[in-house]
Protein backbone atom coordinates (compact mmCIF):
# COMPACT_ATOMS: atom_id res chain seq x y z
CA MET A 1 -6.19 26.89 12.34
CA GLN A 2 -8.58 23.95 12.16
CA ALA A 3 -8.23 20.40 10.86
CA ILE A 4 -10.63 17.49 10.40
CA VAL A 5 -9.25 13.95 10.69
CA THR A 6 -11.42 10.95 9.90
CA GLY A 7 -10.30 7.71 11.47
CA GLY A 8 -8.68 9.91 14.11
CA SER A 9 -9.38 7.67 17.09
CA SER A 10 -6.47 5.27 16.54
CA GLY A 11 -3.54 4.21 14.37
CA LEU A 12 -2.24 6.51 11.68
CA GLY A 13 -5.20 8.88 11.97
CA LEU A 14 -4.47 9.49 15.65
CA ALA A 15 -0.75 9.93 14.95
CA ILE A 16 -1.55 12.56 12.31
CA ALA A 17 -3.99 14.30 14.67
CA LYS A 18 -1.34 14.45 17.41
CA ARG A 19 1.17 16.03 15.05
CA LEU A 20 -1.39 18.57 13.87
CA ALA A 21 -2.16 19.42 17.51
CA LYS A 22 1.53 20.02 18.15
CA GLN A 23 1.45 22.45 15.22
CA GLY A 24 -1.40 24.34 16.90
CA TYR A 25 -4.38 23.09 14.90
CA ASP A 26 -7.77 22.82 16.58
CA LEU A 27 -9.15 19.42 15.70
CA VAL A 28 -12.30 17.59 14.75
CA LEU A 29 -11.89 13.83 15.10
CA VAL A 30 -14.40 11.65 13.24
CA ALA A 31 -14.67 7.91 13.83
CA LYS A 32 -17.19 5.20 14.57
CA ASP A 33 -16.42 4.39 18.21
CA ALA A 34 -17.37 7.17 20.64
CA GLY A 35 -15.34 5.75 23.50
CA ARG A 36 -12.13 5.51 21.51
CA LEU A 37 -12.72 9.00 20.15
CA GLU A 38 -12.89 10.46 23.66
CA ASN A 39 -9.74 8.61 24.68
CA ALA A 40 -7.97 10.00 21.62
CA ALA A 41 -9.22 13.51 22.32
CA GLU A 42 -7.98 13.33 25.90
CA ALA A 43 -4.55 12.13 24.78
CA ILE A 44 -4.31 15.05 22.35
CA ARG A 45 -5.34 17.59 25.00
CA LYS A 46 -2.49 16.33 27.16
CA LEU A 47 -0.07 17.05 24.32
CA ASN A 48 -1.32 20.59 23.81
CA ALA A 49 -3.87 21.96 26.25
CA SER A 50 -4.35 25.10 24.15
CA VAL A 51 -6.00 23.33 21.21
CA ASP A 52 -9.72 22.67 20.98
CA VAL A 53 -10.61 19.06 20.20
CA LYS A 54 -14.12 18.17 19.05
CA THR A 55 -15.30 14.65 18.33
CA LEU A 56 -18.05 13.25 16.15
CA ALA A 57 -18.96 9.58 16.38
CA THR A 58 -20.44 8.43 13.09
CA ASP A 59 -20.16 5.51 10.70
CA LEU A 60 -18.86 6.98 7.45
CA SER A 61 -19.72 3.82 5.54
CA VAL A 62 -23.42 4.66 5.86
CA GLN A 63 -25.00 6.45 2.92
CA GLY A 64 -25.21 10.19 3.53
CA ALA A 65 -22.76 10.22 6.46
CA PRO A 66 -20.25 12.62 4.81
CA GLU A 67 -23.08 15.08 4.20
CA ARG A 68 -24.04 14.87 7.88
CA VAL A 69 -20.41 15.46 8.90
CA PHE A 70 -20.26 18.50 6.63
CA GLU A 71 -23.48 19.99 8.00
CA TRP A 72 -22.40 19.29 11.59
CA ALA A 73 -19.08 21.05 10.97
CA LYS A 74 -20.91 24.10 9.62
CA GLU A 75 -23.17 24.16 12.69
CA GLN A 76 -20.09 24.00 14.93
CA GLY A 77 -18.46 26.89 13.08
CA VAL A 78 -15.63 24.70 11.81
CA GLN A 79 -13.79 26.08 8.79
CA ALA A 80 -11.09 23.51 8.22
CA GLU A 81 -7.83 24.40 6.53
CA VAL A 82 -6.82 20.73 6.58
CA LEU A 83 -8.86 17.61 5.85
CA VAL A 84 -7.33 14.18 6.43
CA ASN A 85 -9.27 11.21 5.05
CA ASP A 86 -7.81 8.30 6.99
CA ALA A 87 -10.97 6.35 7.82
CA GLY A 88 -10.94 2.98 6.12
CA THR A 89 -11.35 -0.72 6.71
CA TYR A 90 -9.01 -3.57 5.86
CA ILE A 91 -10.26 -6.82 4.38
CA TYR A 92 -8.38 -9.99 3.46
CA ASP A 93 -10.92 -12.41 2.03
CA ASN A 94 -12.04 -14.08 -1.17
CA VAL A 95 -14.32 -11.84 -3.19
CA ILE A 96 -16.93 -14.59 -3.59
CA ASP A 97 -17.04 -15.09 0.18
CA VAL A 98 -17.89 -11.47 0.96
CA SER A 99 -21.56 -10.73 1.63
CA SER A 100 -23.38 -7.96 -0.22
CA GLU A 101 -23.79 -6.06 3.04
CA ARG A 102 -20.09 -6.23 3.85
CA SER A 103 -19.16 -5.32 0.28
CA ARG A 104 -21.30 -2.18 0.41
CA ALA A 105 -19.81 -1.22 3.78
CA ILE A 106 -16.22 -1.63 2.57
CA LEU A 107 -16.71 0.33 -0.63
CA GLY A 108 -18.89 2.86 1.16
CA LEU A 109 -16.12 3.67 3.61
CA ASN A 110 -12.94 3.21 1.57
CA VAL A 111 -14.22 4.74 -1.67
CA GLU A 112 -17.45 6.71 -1.42
CA ALA A 113 -16.82 8.40 1.93
CA THR A 114 -13.40 9.69 0.89
CA ALA A 115 -14.71 10.98 -2.43
CA ASP A 116 -17.71 12.65 -0.80
CA MET A 117 -15.61 14.27 1.94
CA CYS A 118 -13.30 15.64 -0.75
CA ARG A 119 -16.22 16.93 -2.79
CA LEU A 120 -18.01 18.63 0.10
CA PHE A 121 -15.11 20.10 2.04
CA GLY A 122 -13.07 20.77 -1.11
CA ALA A 123 -15.77 23.07 -2.48
CA ASP A 124 -15.95 24.90 0.85
CA MET A 125 -12.16 25.22 1.08
CA ALA A 126 -11.95 26.65 -2.43
CA LEU A 127 -14.06 29.62 -1.32
CA ARG A 128 -11.51 30.62 1.34
CA ALA A 129 -8.10 29.41 0.16
CA SER A 130 -5.59 31.75 -1.48
CA ARG A 131 -2.16 31.53 -3.04
CA LYS A 132 -0.61 32.86 0.17
CA GLN A 133 -2.77 30.61 2.34
CA PRO A 134 -3.51 27.33 0.57
CA TYR A 135 -5.67 24.66 2.18
CA TYR A 136 -4.88 20.97 2.24
CA ILE A 137 -6.54 17.60 1.72
CA LEU A 138 -4.62 14.42 2.56
CA ASN A 139 -6.00 11.03 1.49
CA ILE A 140 -4.59 7.76 2.74
CA ALA A 141 -4.08 5.19 0.00
CA SER A 142 -2.07 2.00 0.44
CA TYR A 143 0.99 0.16 -0.81
CA SER A 144 -1.34 -2.78 -1.41
CA VAL A 145 -2.13 -1.35 -4.87
CA TYR A 146 1.22 -2.85 -5.91
CA MET A 147 0.39 -6.24 -4.35
CA PRO A 148 -2.39 -7.80 -6.47
CA VAL A 149 -2.55 -11.06 -4.54
CA GLU A 150 -5.59 -13.20 -3.88
CA LYS A 151 -7.89 -12.07 -1.07
CA LEU A 152 -6.75 -8.44 -1.38
CA GLY A 153 -9.19 -7.69 -4.18
CA TYR A 154 -11.53 -5.40 -2.28
CA TYR A 155 -8.92 -3.60 -0.22
CA ALA A 156 -6.25 -3.08 -2.88
CA ALA A 157 -8.80 -2.03 -5.50
CA SER A 158 -10.45 0.46 -3.14
CA LYS A 159 -7.06 2.02 -2.41
CA ALA A 160 -6.25 2.10 -6.13
CA PHE A 161 -9.35 4.27 -6.48
CA ILE A 162 -7.93 6.66 -3.89
CA LYS A 163 -4.66 6.88 -5.82
CA VAL A 164 -6.29 7.74 -9.16
CA PHE A 165 -9.08 9.88 -7.69
CA THR A 166 -6.63 11.98 -5.69
CA THR A 167 -4.32 12.55 -8.67
CA CYS A 168 -7.23 13.77 -10.80
CA PHE A 169 -8.81 15.82 -8.01
CA ALA A 170 -5.47 17.44 -7.18
CA LYS A 171 -5.19 18.80 -10.73
CA GLU A 172 -8.73 20.10 -10.53
CA MET A 173 -8.15 21.90 -7.22
CA ALA A 174 -4.62 23.24 -7.76
CA HIS A 175 -5.72 26.51 -9.35
CA ARG A 176 -8.23 26.90 -6.51
CA ASN A 177 -5.32 26.84 -4.04
CA VAL A 178 -6.43 23.60 -2.40
CA LEU A 179 -3.52 21.17 -2.40
CA VAL A 180 -4.63 17.54 -2.56
CA THR A 181 -2.22 14.69 -1.85
CA ALA A 182 -2.43 10.93 -1.36
CA VAL A 183 0.14 8.88 0.50
CA ALA A 184 0.47 5.11 0.07
CA PRO A 185 2.11 3.68 3.19
CA ALA A 186 3.35 0.11 3.30
CA GLY A 187 3.23 -1.72 6.62
CA ILE A 188 2.36 0.38 9.67
CA ASP A 189 2.56 -0.89 13.23
CA THR A 190 -1.18 -0.68 13.98
CA ASP A 191 -4.00 -3.15 14.57
CA LEU A 192 -5.51 -2.59 11.11
CA MET A 193 -4.21 -5.73 9.41
CA GLY A 194 -4.73 -8.05 12.37
CA LEU A 195 -1.34 -9.72 12.00
CA ARG A 196 -0.49 -12.58 14.33
CA PRO A 197 1.59 -11.31 17.31
CA ASN A 198 4.70 -13.25 16.33
CA ILE A 199 4.53 -12.03 12.71
CA ARG A 200 3.88 -8.46 13.82
CA ASN A 201 6.79 -8.54 16.26
CA LEU A 202 9.16 -9.87 13.59
CA ALA A 203 7.97 -7.30 11.05
CA ARG A 204 8.45 -4.55 13.60
CA LYS A 205 12.01 -5.65 14.41
CA THR A 206 13.01 -5.98 10.75
CA GLY A 207 11.58 -2.60 9.79
CA PHE A 208 8.73 -3.86 7.61
CA LEU A 209 6.27 -2.18 9.98
CA ALA A 210 6.89 1.54 10.41
CA LYS A 211 5.83 3.48 13.48
CA PRO A 212 2.61 5.45 12.89
CA ASP A 213 4.31 8.69 13.96
CA VAL A 214 6.99 8.25 11.29
CA ILE A 215 4.39 7.90 8.55
CA ALA A 216 2.39 10.79 10.04
CA ARG A 217 5.45 13.06 9.94
CA ILE A 218 6.24 12.19 6.31
CA SER A 219 2.60 12.49 5.25
CA LEU A 220 2.11 15.96 6.72
CA ARG A 221 5.38 17.14 5.21
CA VAL A 222 4.53 16.07 1.65
CA MET A 223 0.94 17.31 2.09
CA LYS A 224 2.22 20.89 2.10
CA MET A 225 4.42 20.54 -0.99
CA ARG A 226 2.75 21.98 -4.08
CA CYS A 227 4.57 19.66 -6.47
CA ILE A 228 3.50 16.37 -4.82
CA ARG A 229 0.15 14.68 -5.49
CA TYR A 230 1.05 11.11 -4.61
CA TRP A 231 3.80 9.76 -2.41
CA ILE A 232 5.06 6.42 -1.10
CA PRO A 233 6.62 6.97 2.33
CA LEU A 234 10.10 5.57 2.99
CA TRP A 235 12.42 5.28 0.00
CA TYR A 236 12.97 1.53 0.19
CA ASN A 237 9.26 0.87 -0.31
CA ALA A 238 9.31 2.78 -3.58
CA ILE A 239 12.30 0.98 -5.04
CA ALA A 240 10.95 -2.44 -4.00
CA ILE A 241 7.83 -2.21 -6.19
CA PRO A 242 9.30 -3.95 -9.30
CA PHE A 243 10.29 -6.92 -7.14
CA LEU A 244 7.09 -7.45 -5.17
CA TRP A 245 5.94 -10.28 -7.45
CA MET A 246 8.76 -12.38 -6.02
CA PHE A 247 7.29 -12.12 -2.52
CA GLN A 248 3.69 -13.08 -3.30
CA PRO A 249 4.03 -16.54 -1.68
CA LEU A 250 5.29 -14.82 1.48
CA PHE A 251 2.40 -12.36 1.48
CA LYS A 252 -0.06 -15.23 1.39
CA LYS A 253 1.50 -16.74 4.52
CA VAL A 254 1.63 -13.61 6.68
CA LEU A 255 -1.43 -11.58 5.65
């Protein structure tokens, strides 16, 4: 069994990779920072010495990077049964203050790279998957799609694309026995959002920031359910959506 995890060097991506390793999957970790990738690979090998862990350092925001990942995987003999698209970048800034270069990088990574990885690896998976042995694609969206506050324009909109794209793609791939799912986590206790230490500590204690391993466990469970194409981890996040407008002033202070 083989799995590819983008953004697998840290945070939720690493937590998902560790859980897949415990399940016996050989892994390919894809991320930008070679040093962090090797550290992640070593940590995974300590969890399960029997799994093979390959790493590929590449910037997925660059045009053509998903194609290079796909070709590299073919050269390495990788035939993934699981693809996890976790690589993404967070931005909290006014749209008019974002440079063209940064805008292209954000959308290139959060939107184009995920879509291209799905397109390339999805077509390859469809050739090998069967009803008895389905293959899986897991895309990481975000709870921010329900929080349309100022300065979240780029990030929330890019994750809204993941939500809609995954739902459509899942219907397209279902009869090909490739199960496609998106999860939309709320706060996760990682460095992604760059919260101030005091705010992060408070959010952690009050339960607003979930442990990465908790979200990884839920994500991998729903990934293998045929009836689920989109899921919001942790029940209280789902029921809070109609009331989020009340907390917009708070979001502005802590984000």
